């Protein structure tokens, strides 16, 4: 079921009631919608990106570069497992005509790696200007839905391997480097590191939600368990 992604491709169909939108700046927000079985409140809270409890004086909840690198690495295992289990047909399945399949989610992660995270960090360290990119146009041009999922996985892993090495190599001075983004303003390397983890989990949730949407119609009365 291949189709071209449009503006609504970034919705997350965890159940028919939950969606996530993503701005070009990389900010994410989640909201629930009426109609269809409701997702449990605890699940919705996990999608909102709600802030962590305030740290004590002189402390921070920010993850270290080594912690960031470990979490970026853990994303790889999750995506690899889903792709291997789904196969090409499953990775190309769309929950709705204008929503991304798993392949397209992975394709977005690839471009975000290249243009939004590792690419921008390298640019900031080199003192280069930051540029915005049209995520929707890039997704259409990539045509990831028609690709073999293993090919996408290998493309992603090649970039992610280099990204993890980059993150682990960052110095304290590198973390303070910054650049001006044309849409969101000043960005620091250390800001992007935290957002990188957030973005990864936003789209791994999306991948898992696509699979949930695949099985939901055939759950029969077991649909009544959703939210427990």
N, C-alpha and C. Protein backbone atom coordinates (compact mmCIF):
# COMPACT_ATOMS: atom_id res chain seq x y z
N UNK A 1 0.84 -1.20 0.00
CA UNK A 1 0.00 0.00 0.00
C UNK A 1 0.87 1.25 0.00
N UNK A 2 1.60 1.52 -1.07
CA UNK A 2 2.45 2.69 -1.14
C UNK A 2 1.66 3.91 -1.54
N UNK A 3 1.98 5.02 -0.92
CA UNK A 3 1.37 6.28 -1.33
C UNK A 3 2.30 7.40 -0.96
N UNK A 4 2.04 8.58 -1.51
CA UNK A 4 2.88 9.73 -1.25
C UNK A 4 2.42 10.43 0.01
N UNK A 5 3.37 10.79 0.87
CA UNK A 5 3.05 11.46 2.13
C UNK A 5 2.65 12.90 1.88
N UNK A 6 1.72 13.40 2.68
CA UNK A 6 1.33 14.80 2.61
C UNK A 6 1.42 15.41 3.99
N UNK A 7 0.85 16.61 4.17
CA UNK A 7 1.00 17.34 5.44
C UNK A 7 0.57 16.53 6.63
N UNK A 8 -0.40 15.64 6.50
CA UNK A 8 -0.91 14.90 7.65
C UNK A 8 -0.14 13.63 7.92
N UNK A 9 0.99 13.43 7.23
CA UNK A 9 1.73 12.18 7.40
C UNK A 9 2.29 12.01 8.80
N UNK A 10 2.40 13.09 9.54
CA UNK A 10 3.08 12.97 10.81
C UNK A 10 2.16 12.60 11.96
N UNK A 11 0.92 12.31 11.67
CA UNK A 11 0.00 11.88 12.72
C UNK A 11 0.38 10.50 13.20
N UNK A 12 0.25 10.29 14.49
CA UNK A 12 0.57 9.00 15.08
C UNK A 12 -0.71 8.26 15.43
N UNK A 13 -1.03 7.17 14.74
CA UNK A 13 -2.30 6.47 14.98
C UNK A 13 -2.18 5.40 16.04
N UNK A 14 -1.77 5.76 17.26
CA UNK A 14 -1.58 4.78 18.31
C UNK A 14 -2.84 3.95 18.52
N UNK A 15 -3.97 4.62 18.62
CA UNK A 15 -5.29 4.04 18.48
C UNK A 15 -5.98 5.08 17.64
N UNK A 16 -7.23 4.92 17.23
CA UNK A 16 -7.83 5.95 16.41
C UNK A 16 -7.95 7.29 17.11
N UNK A 17 -7.43 7.43 18.32
CA UNK A 17 -7.66 8.65 19.07
C UNK A 17 -6.44 9.50 19.33
N UNK A 18 -5.26 9.12 18.88
CA UNK A 18 -4.07 9.84 19.30
C UNK A 18 -3.25 10.28 18.10
N UNK A 19 -2.76 11.52 18.10
CA UNK A 19 -1.94 11.98 16.99
C UNK A 19 -0.82 12.87 17.49
N UNK A 20 0.26 12.92 16.70
CA UNK A 20 1.38 13.77 17.01
C UNK A 20 1.69 14.62 15.80
N UNK A 21 1.88 15.91 15.97
CA UNK A 21 2.28 16.76 14.86
C UNK A 21 3.69 17.24 15.09
N UNK A 22 4.41 17.48 14.00
CA UNK A 22 5.81 17.87 14.08
C UNK A 22 6.02 19.10 13.24
N UNK A 23 6.54 20.17 13.82
CA UNK A 23 6.83 21.36 13.04
C UNK A 23 8.18 21.21 12.38
N UNK A 24 8.48 22.06 11.40
CA UNK A 24 9.77 21.96 10.72
C UNK A 24 10.91 22.28 11.66
N UNK A 25 10.64 23.00 12.73
CA UNK A 25 11.69 23.33 13.68
C UNK A 25 12.06 22.16 14.55
N UNK A 26 11.27 21.08 14.49
CA UNK A 26 11.56 19.91 15.30
C UNK A 26 10.79 19.87 16.59
N UNK A 27 9.90 20.82 16.85
CA UNK A 27 9.10 20.78 18.07
C UNK A 27 7.97 19.80 17.89
N UNK A 28 7.55 19.16 18.98
CA UNK A 28 6.51 18.15 18.91
C UNK A 28 5.44 18.43 19.95
N UNK A 29 4.21 18.11 19.58
CA UNK A 29 3.14 18.18 20.57
C UNK A 29 2.17 17.05 20.27
N UNK A 30 1.51 16.58 21.28
CA UNK A 30 0.55 15.50 21.10
C UNK A 30 -0.80 15.94 21.61
N UNK A 31 -1.85 15.40 21.01
CA UNK A 31 -3.20 15.74 21.44
C UNK A 31 -4.11 14.56 21.21
N UNK A 32 -5.16 14.47 22.03
CA UNK A 32 -6.13 13.40 21.84
C UNK A 32 -7.32 13.95 21.07
N UNK A 33 -8.00 13.07 20.35
CA UNK A 33 -9.15 13.46 19.55
C UNK A 33 -10.34 12.61 19.94
N UNK A 34 -11.54 13.17 19.80
CA UNK A 34 -12.75 12.41 20.08
C UNK A 34 -12.98 11.40 18.97
N UNK A 35 -13.67 10.35 19.32
CA UNK A 35 -13.99 9.33 18.32
C UNK A 35 -13.05 8.16 18.43
N UNK A 36 -13.62 6.94 18.46
CA UNK A 36 -12.77 5.76 18.59
C UNK A 36 -12.38 5.55 20.03
N UNK A 37 -11.81 4.40 20.34
CA UNK A 37 -11.41 4.09 21.71
C UNK A 37 -10.37 5.06 22.22
N UNK A 38 -10.50 5.50 23.45
CA UNK A 38 -9.55 6.45 24.04
C UNK A 38 -8.31 5.72 24.51
N UNK A 39 -7.18 6.38 24.37
CA UNK A 39 -5.94 5.85 24.91
C UNK A 39 -5.90 6.18 26.39
N UNK A 40 -5.38 5.29 27.19
CA UNK A 40 -5.34 5.51 28.64
C UNK A 40 -4.61 6.81 28.96
N UNK A 41 -5.06 7.47 30.04
CA UNK A 41 -4.47 8.76 30.39
C UNK A 41 -2.97 8.65 30.59
N UNK A 42 -2.54 7.55 31.17
CA UNK A 42 -1.10 7.42 31.41
C UNK A 42 -0.34 7.34 30.10
N UNK A 43 -0.94 6.73 29.07
CA UNK A 43 -0.29 6.66 27.77
C UNK A 43 -0.23 8.02 27.13
N UNK A 44 -1.33 8.78 27.24
CA UNK A 44 -1.35 10.12 26.68
C UNK A 44 -0.30 11.00 27.33
N UNK A 45 -0.17 10.88 28.65
CA UNK A 45 0.83 11.69 29.33
C UNK A 45 2.22 11.38 28.81
N UNK A 46 2.45 10.14 28.43
CA UNK A 46 3.77 9.76 27.94
C UNK A 46 4.06 10.35 26.58
N UNK A 47 3.03 10.81 25.87
CA UNK A 47 3.22 11.38 24.53
C UNK A 47 3.31 12.89 24.53
N UNK A 48 3.04 13.53 25.64
CA UNK A 48 2.92 14.97 25.64
C UNK A 48 4.25 15.69 25.72
N UNK A 49 5.32 15.00 26.05
CA UNK A 49 6.57 15.69 26.23
C UNK A 49 6.55 16.57 27.47
N UNK A 50 5.76 16.20 28.49
CA UNK A 50 5.65 16.98 29.71
C UNK A 50 7.02 17.11 30.37
N UNK A 51 7.33 18.26 30.95
CA UNK A 51 8.65 18.47 31.55
C UNK A 51 8.89 17.57 32.74
N UNK A 52 10.17 17.28 32.96
CA UNK A 52 10.56 16.50 34.13
C UNK A 52 10.46 17.38 35.37
N UNK A 53 10.42 16.77 36.57
CA UNK A 53 10.41 17.58 37.79
C UNK A 53 11.61 18.51 37.83
N UNK A 54 11.43 19.68 38.41
CA UNK A 54 12.51 20.65 38.49
C UNK A 54 13.67 20.09 39.31
N UNK A 55 14.91 20.24 38.82
CA UNK A 55 16.06 19.76 39.58
C UNK A 55 16.34 20.68 40.76
N UNK A 56 17.13 20.20 41.70
CA UNK A 56 17.49 21.02 42.84
C UNK A 56 18.46 22.12 42.45
N UNK A 57 18.76 23.03 43.38
CA UNK A 57 19.67 24.15 43.09
C UNK A 57 21.01 23.65 42.57
N UNK A 58 21.47 24.27 41.49
CA UNK A 58 22.78 23.91 40.95
C UNK A 58 22.80 22.60 40.21
N UNK A 59 21.64 21.98 40.00
CA UNK A 59 21.59 20.70 39.33
C UNK A 59 20.79 20.83 38.03
N UNK A 60 20.92 19.82 37.17
CA UNK A 60 20.19 19.84 35.90
C UNK A 60 19.73 18.43 35.56
N UNK A 61 18.62 18.35 34.86
CA UNK A 61 18.14 17.06 34.38
C UNK A 61 18.73 16.70 33.02
N UNK A 62 19.53 17.60 32.46
CA UNK A 62 20.07 17.38 31.12
C UNK A 62 20.94 16.12 31.08
N UNK A 63 20.80 15.39 29.99
CA UNK A 63 21.61 14.19 29.79
C UNK A 63 23.00 14.57 29.31
N UNK A 64 23.99 13.79 29.70
CA UNK A 64 25.36 14.02 29.25
C UNK A 64 25.53 13.51 27.82
N UNK A 65 26.57 13.95 27.11
CA UNK A 65 26.81 13.43 25.76
C UNK A 65 26.90 11.90 25.72
N UNK A 66 27.52 11.29 26.71
CA UNK A 66 27.61 9.83 26.72
C UNK A 66 26.23 9.19 26.89
N UNK A 67 25.39 9.79 27.72
CA UNK A 67 24.03 9.28 27.87
C UNK A 67 23.23 9.46 26.58
N UNK A 68 23.42 10.61 25.94
CA UNK A 68 22.76 10.85 24.65
C UNK A 68 23.17 9.79 23.64
N UNK A 69 24.47 9.54 23.56
CA UNK A 69 24.99 8.55 22.60
C UNK A 69 24.39 7.18 22.85
N UNK A 70 24.30 6.80 24.12
CA UNK A 70 23.74 5.49 24.46
C UNK A 70 22.27 5.40 24.06
N UNK A 71 21.52 6.48 24.24
CA UNK A 71 20.11 6.48 23.87
C UNK A 71 19.92 6.49 22.36
N UNK A 72 20.79 7.20 21.65
CA UNK A 72 20.74 7.16 20.18
C UNK A 72 21.02 5.74 19.69
N UNK A 73 21.91 5.07 20.37
CA UNK A 73 22.23 3.69 20.00
C UNK A 73 21.06 2.76 20.28
N UNK A 74 20.35 3.00 21.37
CA UNK A 74 19.24 2.12 21.73
C UNK A 74 18.09 2.23 20.73
N UNK A 75 17.94 3.40 20.11
CA UNK A 75 16.92 3.56 19.07
C UNK A 75 17.15 2.58 17.94
N UNK A 76 18.41 2.35 17.62
CA UNK A 76 18.76 1.46 16.50
C UNK A 76 18.20 0.06 16.72
N UNK A 77 18.34 -0.45 17.93
CA UNK A 77 17.88 -1.81 18.23
C UNK A 77 16.37 -1.92 18.07
N UNK A 78 15.65 -0.90 18.53
CA UNK A 78 14.19 -0.94 18.42
C UNK A 78 13.75 -0.94 16.96
N UNK A 79 14.31 -0.03 16.18
CA UNK A 79 13.91 0.06 14.78
C UNK A 79 14.30 -1.19 14.02
N UNK A 80 15.48 -1.70 14.29
CA UNK A 80 15.92 -2.92 13.61
C UNK A 80 14.97 -4.08 13.90
N UNK A 81 14.57 -4.21 15.16
CA UNK A 81 13.66 -5.28 15.53
C UNK A 81 12.32 -5.18 14.82
N UNK A 82 11.76 -3.97 14.75
CA UNK A 82 10.47 -3.79 14.09
C UNK A 82 10.56 -4.06 12.59
N UNK A 83 11.60 -3.55 11.96
CA UNK A 83 11.76 -3.74 10.52
C UNK A 83 11.94 -5.21 10.18
N UNK A 84 12.77 -5.90 10.95
CA UNK A 84 12.99 -7.33 10.69
C UNK A 84 11.70 -8.12 10.86
N UNK A 85 10.92 -7.77 11.87
CA UNK A 85 9.68 -8.50 12.12
C UNK A 85 8.60 -8.20 11.08
N UNK A 86 8.55 -6.96 10.61
CA UNK A 86 7.50 -6.55 9.68
C UNK A 86 7.75 -7.02 8.25
N UNK A 87 9.02 -7.04 7.84
CA UNK A 87 9.31 -7.33 6.45
C UNK A 87 8.91 -6.15 5.56
N UNK A 88 9.18 -6.26 4.27
CA UNK A 88 8.90 -5.14 3.37
C UNK A 88 7.42 -4.78 3.31
N UNK A 89 6.55 -5.78 3.22
CA UNK A 89 5.12 -5.50 3.12
C UNK A 89 4.62 -4.76 4.35
N UNK A 90 5.02 -5.22 5.53
CA UNK A 90 4.58 -4.57 6.75
C UNK A 90 5.14 -3.17 6.90
N UNK A 91 6.38 -2.97 6.48
CA UNK A 91 7.01 -1.65 6.61
C UNK A 91 6.47 -0.65 5.61
N UNK A 92 5.77 -1.14 4.58
CA UNK A 92 5.19 -0.26 3.56
C UNK A 92 3.69 -0.01 3.79
N UNK A 93 3.15 -0.58 4.84
CA UNK A 93 1.71 -0.46 5.10
C UNK A 93 1.38 0.89 5.70
N UNK A 94 0.29 1.52 5.21
CA UNK A 94 -0.16 2.82 5.70
C UNK A 94 -1.44 2.68 6.51
N UNK A 95 -1.50 3.28 7.70
CA UNK A 95 -2.73 3.25 8.48
C UNK A 95 -3.84 4.08 7.87
N UNK A 96 -3.50 5.01 7.00
CA UNK A 96 -4.46 5.84 6.26
C UNK A 96 -3.73 6.37 5.04
N UNK A 97 -4.46 6.78 4.00
CA UNK A 97 -3.79 7.19 2.76
C UNK A 97 -2.74 8.28 2.92
N UNK A 98 -2.92 9.20 3.84
CA UNK A 98 -1.98 10.30 3.98
C UNK A 98 -1.13 10.22 5.24
N UNK A 99 -0.95 9.03 5.77
CA UNK A 99 -0.10 8.85 6.95
C UNK A 99 1.11 8.01 6.58
N UNK A 100 2.22 8.31 7.22
CA UNK A 100 3.47 7.62 6.91
C UNK A 100 3.41 6.14 7.25
N UNK A 101 4.05 5.35 6.41
CA UNK A 101 4.33 3.95 6.74
C UNK A 101 5.62 3.92 7.54
N UNK A 102 6.00 2.74 8.02
CA UNK A 102 7.23 2.61 8.81
C UNK A 102 8.44 3.04 8.00
N UNK A 103 8.50 2.65 6.73
CA UNK A 103 9.61 3.05 5.88
C UNK A 103 9.77 4.57 5.84
N UNK A 104 8.66 5.28 5.73
CA UNK A 104 8.73 6.73 5.65
C UNK A 104 9.15 7.36 6.98
N UNK A 105 8.79 6.72 8.08
CA UNK A 105 9.27 7.19 9.39
C UNK A 105 10.79 7.07 9.46
N UNK A 106 11.31 5.93 8.99
CA UNK A 106 12.76 5.73 9.00
C UNK A 106 13.43 6.72 8.05
N UNK A 107 12.82 6.95 6.88
CA UNK A 107 13.37 7.93 5.95
C UNK A 107 13.44 9.32 6.56
N UNK A 108 12.43 9.68 7.34
CA UNK A 108 12.45 10.98 8.02
C UNK A 108 13.58 11.04 9.04
N UNK A 109 13.79 9.96 9.78
CA UNK A 109 14.89 9.93 10.74
C UNK A 109 16.23 10.09 10.04
N UNK A 110 16.36 9.50 8.87
CA UNK A 110 17.60 9.62 8.09
C UNK A 110 17.87 11.08 7.74
N UNK A 111 16.85 11.75 7.20
CA UNK A 111 17.04 13.13 6.79
C UNK A 111 17.21 14.06 7.99
N UNK A 112 16.52 13.77 9.09
CA UNK A 112 16.70 14.57 10.30
C UNK A 112 18.12 14.41 10.84
N UNK A 113 18.67 13.21 10.71
CA UNK A 113 20.05 12.96 11.14
C UNK A 113 21.01 13.83 10.33
N UNK A 114 20.79 13.80 9.03
CA UNK A 114 21.70 14.48 8.10
C UNK A 114 21.55 16.00 8.16
N UNK A 115 20.31 16.48 8.21
CA UNK A 115 20.04 17.91 8.08
C UNK A 115 19.76 18.61 9.40
N UNK A 116 19.17 17.88 10.36
CA UNK A 116 18.67 18.53 11.55
C UNK A 116 19.49 18.36 12.80
N UNK A 117 20.27 17.29 12.89
CA UNK A 117 20.99 17.02 14.13
C UNK A 117 22.50 16.96 13.91
N UNK A 118 23.01 15.85 13.43
CA UNK A 118 24.46 15.75 13.21
C UNK A 118 24.94 16.85 12.26
N UNK A 119 24.16 17.09 11.21
CA UNK A 119 24.55 18.13 10.25
C UNK A 119 24.63 19.50 10.88
N UNK A 120 23.64 19.85 11.68
CA UNK A 120 23.64 21.17 12.32
C UNK A 120 24.72 21.29 13.38
N UNK A 121 24.95 20.22 14.11
CA UNK A 121 26.02 20.26 15.12
C UNK A 121 27.36 20.51 14.45
N UNK A 122 27.62 19.81 13.35
CA UNK A 122 28.88 20.03 12.62
C UNK A 122 28.96 21.46 12.10
N UNK A 123 27.84 21.98 11.61
CA UNK A 123 27.83 23.36 11.10
C UNK A 123 28.10 24.36 12.22
N UNK A 124 27.51 24.16 13.40
CA UNK A 124 27.73 25.08 14.50
C UNK A 124 29.19 25.06 14.95
N UNK A 125 29.76 23.88 15.01
CA UNK A 125 31.17 23.77 15.41
C UNK A 125 32.07 24.45 14.39
N UNK A 126 31.68 24.37 13.11
CA UNK A 126 32.47 24.98 12.04
C UNK A 126 32.15 26.46 11.84
N UNK A 127 31.18 26.98 12.59
CA UNK A 127 30.83 28.39 12.47
C UNK A 127 29.99 28.71 11.26
N UNK A 128 29.32 27.72 10.69
CA UNK A 128 28.50 27.94 9.50
C UNK A 128 27.07 28.34 9.89
N UNK A 129 26.37 28.94 8.94
CA UNK A 129 24.98 29.33 9.17
C UNK A 129 24.07 28.11 9.18
N UNK A 130 22.99 28.19 9.95
CA UNK A 130 22.00 27.11 9.99
C UNK A 130 20.90 27.41 8.98
N UNK A 131 20.39 26.36 8.37
CA UNK A 131 19.32 26.53 7.38
C UNK A 131 18.15 25.63 7.75
N UNK A 132 16.96 26.06 7.36
CA UNK A 132 15.76 25.23 7.54
C UNK A 132 15.64 24.29 6.34
N UNK A 133 14.81 23.26 6.50
CA UNK A 133 14.58 22.35 5.37
C UNK A 133 13.12 21.96 5.33
N UNK A 134 12.62 21.73 4.14
CA UNK A 134 11.22 21.39 3.94
C UNK A 134 11.04 19.88 4.10
N UNK A 135 10.60 19.47 5.28
CA UNK A 135 10.50 18.05 5.59
C UNK A 135 9.51 17.33 4.68
N UNK A 136 8.42 17.97 4.37
CA UNK A 136 7.40 17.33 3.54
C UNK A 136 7.90 17.11 2.11
N UNK A 137 8.56 18.13 1.55
CA UNK A 137 9.09 18.01 0.19
C UNK A 137 10.16 16.93 0.12
N UNK A 138 11.02 16.89 1.13
CA UNK A 138 12.08 15.88 1.15
C UNK A 138 11.48 14.48 1.25
N UNK A 139 10.45 14.33 2.08
CA UNK A 139 9.80 13.01 2.21
C UNK A 139 9.20 12.56 0.89
N UNK A 140 8.59 13.50 0.17
CA UNK A 140 8.01 13.14 -1.14
C UNK A 140 9.10 12.74 -2.13
N UNK A 141 10.19 13.48 -2.12
CA UNK A 141 11.27 13.20 -3.07
C UNK A 141 11.96 11.87 -2.79
N UNK A 142 12.01 11.47 -1.53
CA UNK A 142 12.71 10.24 -1.17
C UNK A 142 11.98 8.98 -1.66
N UNK A 143 10.65 9.03 -1.67
CA UNK A 143 9.86 7.86 -2.10
C UNK A 143 10.25 6.60 -1.32
N UNK A 144 10.35 6.75 -0.01
CA UNK A 144 10.81 5.64 0.84
C UNK A 144 9.85 4.48 0.91
N UNK A 145 8.56 4.74 0.71
CA UNK A 145 7.59 3.66 0.86
C UNK A 145 7.90 2.50 -0.08
N UNK A 146 8.39 2.82 -1.27
CA UNK A 146 8.63 1.78 -2.28
C UNK A 146 9.96 1.06 -2.09
N UNK A 147 10.77 1.51 -1.15
CA UNK A 147 12.10 0.92 -0.98
C UNK A 147 12.05 -0.33 -0.11
N UNK A 148 13.10 -1.14 -0.24
CA UNK A 148 13.25 -2.29 0.65
C UNK A 148 13.62 -1.77 2.03
N UNK A 149 12.97 -2.29 3.05
CA UNK A 149 13.21 -1.80 4.41
C UNK A 149 14.65 -2.02 4.85
N UNK A 150 15.27 -3.11 4.42
CA UNK A 150 16.65 -3.37 4.81
C UNK A 150 17.58 -2.31 4.24
N UNK A 151 17.30 -1.85 3.03
CA UNK A 151 18.10 -0.79 2.42
C UNK A 151 18.01 0.50 3.23
N UNK A 152 16.81 0.84 3.68
CA UNK A 152 16.63 2.02 4.52
C UNK A 152 17.36 1.86 5.84
N UNK A 153 17.25 0.67 6.41
CA UNK A 153 17.91 0.41 7.69
C UNK A 153 19.42 0.61 7.57
N UNK A 154 20.01 0.12 6.49
CA UNK A 154 21.45 0.25 6.29
C UNK A 154 21.85 1.71 6.10
N UNK A 155 21.02 2.47 5.39
CA UNK A 155 21.29 3.90 5.22
C UNK A 155 21.25 4.62 6.57
N UNK A 156 20.24 4.30 7.36
CA UNK A 156 20.11 4.92 8.68
C UNK A 156 21.29 4.56 9.57
N UNK A 157 21.66 3.30 9.59
CA UNK A 157 22.72 2.85 10.49
C UNK A 157 24.07 3.46 10.12
N UNK A 158 24.32 3.65 8.83
CA UNK A 158 25.57 4.28 8.43
C UNK A 158 25.69 5.68 9.00
N UNK A 159 24.61 6.44 8.93
CA UNK A 159 24.60 7.78 9.48
C UNK A 159 24.65 7.76 11.01
N UNK A 160 23.86 6.88 11.62
CA UNK A 160 23.78 6.86 13.08
C UNK A 160 25.12 6.46 13.71
N UNK A 161 25.83 5.54 13.08
CA UNK A 161 27.14 5.13 13.59
C UNK A 161 28.07 6.34 13.67
N UNK A 162 28.09 7.16 12.62
CA UNK A 162 28.93 8.36 12.62
C UNK A 162 28.42 9.39 13.62
N UNK A 163 27.11 9.47 13.78
CA UNK A 163 26.53 10.44 14.72
C UNK A 163 26.90 10.11 16.16
N UNK A 164 26.86 8.84 16.50
CA UNK A 164 27.20 8.43 17.86
C UNK A 164 28.66 8.77 18.16
N UNK A 165 29.53 8.54 17.18
CA UNK A 165 30.94 8.89 17.36
C UNK A 165 31.09 10.40 17.53
N UNK A 166 30.32 11.18 16.76
CA UNK A 166 30.37 12.64 16.89
C UNK A 166 29.95 13.08 18.28
N UNK A 167 28.85 12.55 18.77
CA UNK A 167 28.35 12.96 20.09
C UNK A 167 29.36 12.64 21.17
N UNK A 168 29.96 11.48 21.10
CA UNK A 168 30.94 11.08 22.13
C UNK A 168 32.23 11.91 22.06
N UNK A 169 32.46 12.56 20.93
CA UNK A 169 33.69 13.34 20.77
C UNK A 169 33.53 14.79 21.20
N UNK A 170 32.32 15.22 21.50
CA UNK A 170 32.07 16.62 21.81
C UNK A 170 32.74 17.05 23.11
N UNK A 171 33.37 18.22 23.08
CA UNK A 171 34.00 18.78 24.27
C UNK A 171 33.04 19.73 24.97
N UNK A 172 33.42 20.17 26.16
CA UNK A 172 32.60 21.13 26.89
C UNK A 172 32.44 22.42 26.08
N UNK A 173 33.50 22.82 25.38
CA UNK A 173 33.42 24.03 24.55
C UNK A 173 32.48 23.81 23.37
N UNK A 174 32.51 22.62 22.79
CA UNK A 174 31.61 22.31 21.66
C UNK A 174 30.15 22.44 22.07
N UNK A 175 29.83 21.99 23.28
CA UNK A 175 28.44 22.01 23.74
C UNK A 175 27.87 23.42 23.80
N UNK A 176 28.74 24.40 23.98
CA UNK A 176 28.29 25.79 24.09
C UNK A 176 28.23 26.50 22.74
N UNK A 177 28.72 25.86 21.69
CA UNK A 177 28.65 26.47 20.36
C UNK A 177 27.19 26.66 19.98
N UNK A 178 26.94 27.70 19.20
CA UNK A 178 25.55 28.00 18.84
C UNK A 178 25.46 28.51 17.40
N UNK A 179 24.25 28.60 16.93
CA UNK A 179 23.98 29.14 15.61
C UNK A 179 22.58 29.71 15.58
N UNK A 180 22.30 30.53 14.58
CA UNK A 180 20.99 31.15 14.44
C UNK A 180 20.17 30.39 13.41
N UNK A 181 19.07 29.82 13.87
CA UNK A 181 18.16 29.13 12.96
C UNK A 181 17.15 30.15 12.44
N UNK A 182 16.85 30.14 11.14
CA UNK A 182 15.96 31.17 10.58
C UNK A 182 14.53 31.14 11.12
N UNK A 183 14.12 30.04 11.73
CA UNK A 183 12.74 29.93 12.21
C UNK A 183 12.61 29.94 13.73
N UNK A 184 13.59 29.37 14.44
CA UNK A 184 13.44 29.25 15.90
C UNK A 184 14.43 30.12 16.68
N UNK A 185 15.39 30.74 15.99
CA UNK A 185 16.34 31.58 16.69
C UNK A 185 17.60 30.83 17.10
N UNK A 186 18.17 31.24 18.22
CA UNK A 186 19.45 30.68 18.65
C UNK A 186 19.31 29.23 19.09
N UNK A 187 20.19 28.39 18.57
CA UNK A 187 20.28 26.99 18.97
C UNK A 187 21.69 26.70 19.43
N UNK A 188 21.82 25.99 20.53
CA UNK A 188 23.13 25.55 21.00
C UNK A 188 23.29 24.06 20.73
N UNK A 189 24.53 23.64 20.64
CA UNK A 189 24.79 22.21 20.44
C UNK A 189 24.13 21.40 21.55
N UNK A 190 24.26 21.86 22.78
CA UNK A 190 23.70 21.08 23.89
C UNK A 190 22.17 21.04 23.84
N UNK A 191 21.54 22.05 23.25
CA UNK A 191 20.08 22.02 23.07
C UNK A 191 19.70 20.93 22.07
N UNK A 192 20.42 20.88 20.96
CA UNK A 192 20.11 19.89 19.93
C UNK A 192 20.31 18.47 20.42
N UNK A 193 21.29 18.25 21.29
CA UNK A 193 21.52 16.90 21.81
C UNK A 193 20.29 16.40 22.56
N UNK A 194 19.72 17.26 23.41
CA UNK A 194 18.54 16.85 24.17
C UNK A 194 17.35 16.63 23.24
N UNK A 195 17.18 17.52 22.25
CA UNK A 195 16.06 17.40 21.33
C UNK A 195 16.20 16.17 20.44
N UNK A 196 17.43 15.77 20.18
CA UNK A 196 17.69 14.59 19.36
C UNK A 196 17.05 13.35 19.98
N UNK A 197 17.25 13.20 21.28
CA UNK A 197 16.64 12.07 22.00
C UNK A 197 15.12 12.18 21.94
N UNK A 198 14.60 13.38 22.14
CA UNK A 198 13.14 13.59 22.09
C UNK A 198 12.60 13.23 20.71
N UNK A 199 13.27 13.69 19.68
CA UNK A 199 12.83 13.43 18.30
C UNK A 199 12.87 11.94 17.98
N UNK A 200 13.94 11.27 18.38
CA UNK A 200 14.04 9.82 18.17
C UNK A 200 12.83 9.11 18.75
N UNK A 201 12.49 9.45 19.98
CA UNK A 201 11.41 8.75 20.66
C UNK A 201 10.05 9.16 20.10
N UNK A 202 9.95 10.36 19.60
CA UNK A 202 8.70 10.75 18.95
C UNK A 202 8.40 9.84 17.76
N UNK A 203 9.43 9.55 16.98
CA UNK A 203 9.20 8.77 15.77
C UNK A 203 9.30 7.26 15.99
N UNK A 204 9.97 6.83 17.04
CA UNK A 204 9.86 5.40 17.35
C UNK A 204 8.46 5.10 17.89
N UNK A 205 7.88 6.04 18.63
CA UNK A 205 6.47 5.88 19.04
C UNK A 205 5.57 5.83 17.81
N UNK A 206 5.90 6.63 16.82
CA UNK A 206 5.10 6.64 15.60
C UNK A 206 5.19 5.29 14.89
N UNK A 207 6.39 4.73 14.83
CA UNK A 207 6.57 3.41 14.19
C UNK A 207 5.75 2.36 14.92
N UNK A 208 5.83 2.36 16.24
CA UNK A 208 5.06 1.39 17.02
C UNK A 208 3.56 1.61 16.84
N UNK A 209 3.15 2.88 16.74
CA UNK A 209 1.73 3.18 16.58
C UNK A 209 1.18 2.71 15.24
N UNK A 210 2.01 2.74 14.20
CA UNK A 210 1.58 2.23 12.90
C UNK A 210 1.26 0.74 13.01
N UNK A 211 2.11 0.02 13.73
CA UNK A 211 1.87 -1.42 13.91
C UNK A 211 0.60 -1.64 14.73
N UNK A 212 0.40 -0.82 15.77
CA UNK A 212 -0.83 -0.93 16.55
C UNK A 212 -2.06 -0.71 15.68
N UNK A 213 -1.98 0.28 14.79
CA UNK A 213 -3.12 0.56 13.91
C UNK A 213 -3.38 -0.61 12.96
N UNK A 214 -2.34 -1.34 12.61
CA UNK A 214 -2.50 -2.50 11.70
C UNK A 214 -3.32 -3.60 12.37
N UNK A 215 -3.05 -3.85 13.64
CA UNK A 215 -3.70 -4.98 14.30
C UNK A 215 -5.04 -4.62 14.93
N UNK A 216 -5.27 -3.33 15.20
CA UNK A 216 -6.45 -2.92 15.95
C UNK A 216 -7.77 -3.40 15.35
N UNK A 217 -8.01 -3.26 14.03
CA UNK A 217 -9.32 -3.65 13.48
C UNK A 217 -9.64 -5.13 13.66
N UNK A 218 -8.65 -5.97 13.84
CA UNK A 218 -8.86 -7.41 13.95
C UNK A 218 -8.81 -7.92 15.39
N UNK A 219 -8.92 -7.01 16.34
CA UNK A 219 -8.84 -7.40 17.75
C UNK A 219 -10.19 -7.84 18.32
N UNK A 220 -11.28 -7.66 17.57
CA UNK A 220 -12.58 -8.07 18.07
C UNK A 220 -12.92 -7.40 19.38
N UNK A 221 -13.51 -8.16 20.30
CA UNK A 221 -13.88 -7.60 21.60
C UNK A 221 -12.67 -7.25 22.45
N UNK A 222 -11.50 -7.73 22.05
CA UNK A 222 -10.29 -7.37 22.78
C UNK A 222 -9.98 -5.88 22.65
N UNK A 223 -10.63 -5.19 21.71
CA UNK A 223 -10.49 -3.74 21.62
C UNK A 223 -10.90 -3.06 22.92
N UNK A 224 -11.80 -3.70 23.66
CA UNK A 224 -12.28 -3.11 24.91
C UNK A 224 -11.19 -3.08 25.98
N UNK A 225 -10.11 -3.83 25.76
CA UNK A 225 -9.00 -3.81 26.71
C UNK A 225 -8.06 -2.62 26.49
N UNK A 226 -8.20 -1.93 25.36
CA UNK A 226 -7.28 -0.84 25.04
C UNK A 226 -7.34 0.21 26.14
N UNK A 227 -6.19 0.60 26.62
CA UNK A 227 -6.12 1.59 27.70
C UNK A 227 -5.86 0.96 29.05
N UNK A 228 -5.94 -0.38 29.13
CA UNK A 228 -5.69 -1.02 30.43
C UNK A 228 -4.19 -1.21 30.63
